[in-house]
Amino acid sequence: MRTHSGRVFVRVINPNATSLAENVTCRSASEVPDWWYCWSWGERMHQADDPAGAATKVARVLAAVGE
């Protein structure tokens, strides 16, 4: 998705519990030339060269109890 200001992010929603959702961005770290997937509040989640690892983290966070 793209906001009016131009910021791009992926909206991830648990289809079994739609209130469980997260916006994920990809940003470069200012102090090093690495790219990171980041949570909606800006905290680094996972290095961008491992999208499967990042997807696993997002799935774990958005999992409903009992899934």
C-alpha atoms as a PDB file:
ATOM      1  CA  MET A   1       0.000   0.000   0.000  1.00  0.00           C
ATOM      2  CA  ARG A   2       1.064   3.603  -0.427  1.00  0.00           C
ATOM      3  CA  THR A   3      -0.020   6.491   1.796  1.00  0.00           C
ATOM      4  CA  HIS A   4      -0.827   9.950   0.432  1.00  0.00           C
ATOM      5  CA  SER A   5       2.626  11.075   1.592  1.00  0.00           C
ATOM      6  CA  GLY A   6       4.228   8.315  -0.494  1.00  0.00           C
ATOM      7  CA  ARG A   7       5.243   5.919   2.297  1.00  0.00           C
ATOM      8  CA  VAL A   8       5.007   2.301   1.130  1.00  0.00           C
ATOM      9  CA  PHE A   9       4.118  -0.596   3.417  1.00  0.00           C
ATOM     10  CA  VAL A  10       2.591  -4.061   3.402  1.00  0.00           C
ATOM     11  CA  ARG A  11      -0.607  -4.549   5.407  1.00  0.00           C
ATOM     12  CA  VAL A  12      -0.672  -8.063   6.890  1.00  0.00           C
ATOM     13  CA  ILE A  13      -3.979  -9.326   8.311  1.00  0.00           C
ATOM     14  CA  ASN A  14      -4.814 -12.639   9.969  1.00  0.00           C
ATOM     15  CA  PRO A  15      -7.875 -13.787   7.956  1.00  0.00           C
ATOM     16  CA  ASN A  16      -9.145 -15.784  10.946  1.00  0.00           C
ATOM     17  CA  ALA A  17      -8.933 -12.791  13.307  1.00  0.00           C
ATOM     18  CA  THR A  18      -9.015  -9.585  11.271  1.00  0.00           C
ATOM     19  CA  SER A  19      -8.353  -7.416  14.318  1.00  0.00           C
ATOM     20  CA  LEU A  20      -4.848  -8.909  14.293  1.00  0.00           C
ATOM     21  CA  ALA A  21      -3.037  -6.837  11.678  1.00  0.00           C
ATOM     22  CA  GLU A  22       0.284  -5.095  11.177  1.00  0.00           C
ATOM     23  CA  ASN A  23       1.867  -2.668   8.704  1.00  0.00           C
ATOM     24  CA  VAL A  24       5.387  -3.729   7.720  1.00  0.00           C
ATOM     25  CA  THR A  25       7.893  -1.409   6.044  1.00  0.00           C
ATOM     26  CA  CYS A  26      11.401  -1.922   4.706  1.00  0.00           C
ATOM     27  CA  ARG A  27      14.010   0.722   5.580  1.00  0.00           C
ATOM     28  CA  SER A  28      17.715   1.237   5.492  1.00  0.00           C
ATOM     29  CA  ALA A  29      19.492   1.637   8.791  1.00  0.00           C
ATOM     30  CA  SER A  30      21.031   5.098   8.952  1.00  0.00           C
ATOM     31  CA  GLU A  31      24.200   4.001  10.745  1.00  0.00           C
ATOM     32  CA  VAL A  32      24.891   1.007   8.474  1.00  0.00           C
ATOM     33  CA  PRO A  33      23.976   0.262   4.847  1.00  0.00           C
ATOM     34  CA  ASP A  34      21.757  -2.684   5.760  1.00  0.00           C
ATOM     35  CA  TRP A  35      18.032  -2.894   4.993  1.00  0.00           C
ATOM     36  CA  TRP A  36      15.507  -4.067   7.578  1.00  0.00           C
ATOM     37  CA  TYR A  37      11.848  -5.023   7.761  1.00  0.00           C
ATOM     38  CA  CYS A  38      10.298  -2.862  10.465  1.00  0.00           C
ATOM     39  CA  TRP A  39       7.156  -2.966  12.573  1.00  0.00           C
ATOM     40  CA  SER A  40       4.636  -0.146  12.168  1.00  0.00           C
ATOM     41  CA  TRP A  41       6.118   1.733  15.140  1.00  0.00           C
ATOM     42  CA  GLY A  42       9.583   1.741  13.486  1.00  0.00           C
ATOM     43  CA  GLU A  43      11.349  -0.974  15.467  1.00  0.00           C
ATOM     44  CA  ARG A  44      13.554  -3.256  13.383  1.00  0.00           C
ATOM     45  CA  MET A  45      12.062  -6.715  13.004  1.00  0.00           C
ATOM     46  CA  HIS A  46      14.317  -8.711  10.672  1.00  0.00           C
ATOM     47  CA  GLN A  47      17.028  -8.202   8.057  1.00  0.00           C
ATOM     48  CA  ALA A  48      15.605  -7.647   4.579  1.00  0.00           C
ATOM     49  CA  ASP A  49      17.770 -10.320   2.967  1.00  0.00           C
ATOM     50  CA  ASP A  50      15.632 -12.981   4.701  1.00  0.00           C
ATOM     51  CA  PRO A  51      11.966 -12.351   3.811  1.00  0.00           C
ATOM     52  CA  ALA A  52      10.934 -15.852   4.942  1.00  0.00           C
ATOM     53  CA  GLY A  53      12.334 -15.182   8.411  1.00  0.00           C
ATOM     54  CA  ALA A  54      10.465 -11.884   8.591  1.00  0.00           C
ATOM     55  CA  ALA A  55       7.236 -13.575   7.467  1.00  0.00           C
ATOM     56  CA  THR A  56       7.647 -16.172  10.212  1.00  0.00           C
ATOM     57  CA  LYS A  57       7.950 -13.427  12.841  1.00  0.00           C
ATOM     58  CA  VAL A  58       4.887 -11.588  11.550  1.00  0.00           C
ATOM     59  CA  ALA A  59       2.862 -14.819  11.429  1.00  0.00           C
ATOM     60  CA  ARG A  60       3.823 -15.619  15.027  1.00  0.00           C
ATOM     61  CA  VAL A  61       2.802 -12.154  16.243  1.00  0.00           C
ATOM     62  CA  LEU A  62      -0.491 -12.177  14.342  1.00  0.00           C
ATOM     63  CA  ALA A  63      -1.471 -15.730  15.279  1.00  0.00           C
ATOM     64  CA  ALA A  64      -4.729 -16.019  17.164  1.00  0.00           C
ATOM     65  CA  VAL A  65      -4.731 -18.044  20.377  1.00  0.00           C
ATOM     66  CA  GLY A  66      -5.034 -21.713  19.485  1.00  0.00           C
ATOM     67  CA  GLU A  67      -3.783 -21.350  15.894  1.00  0.00           C
END
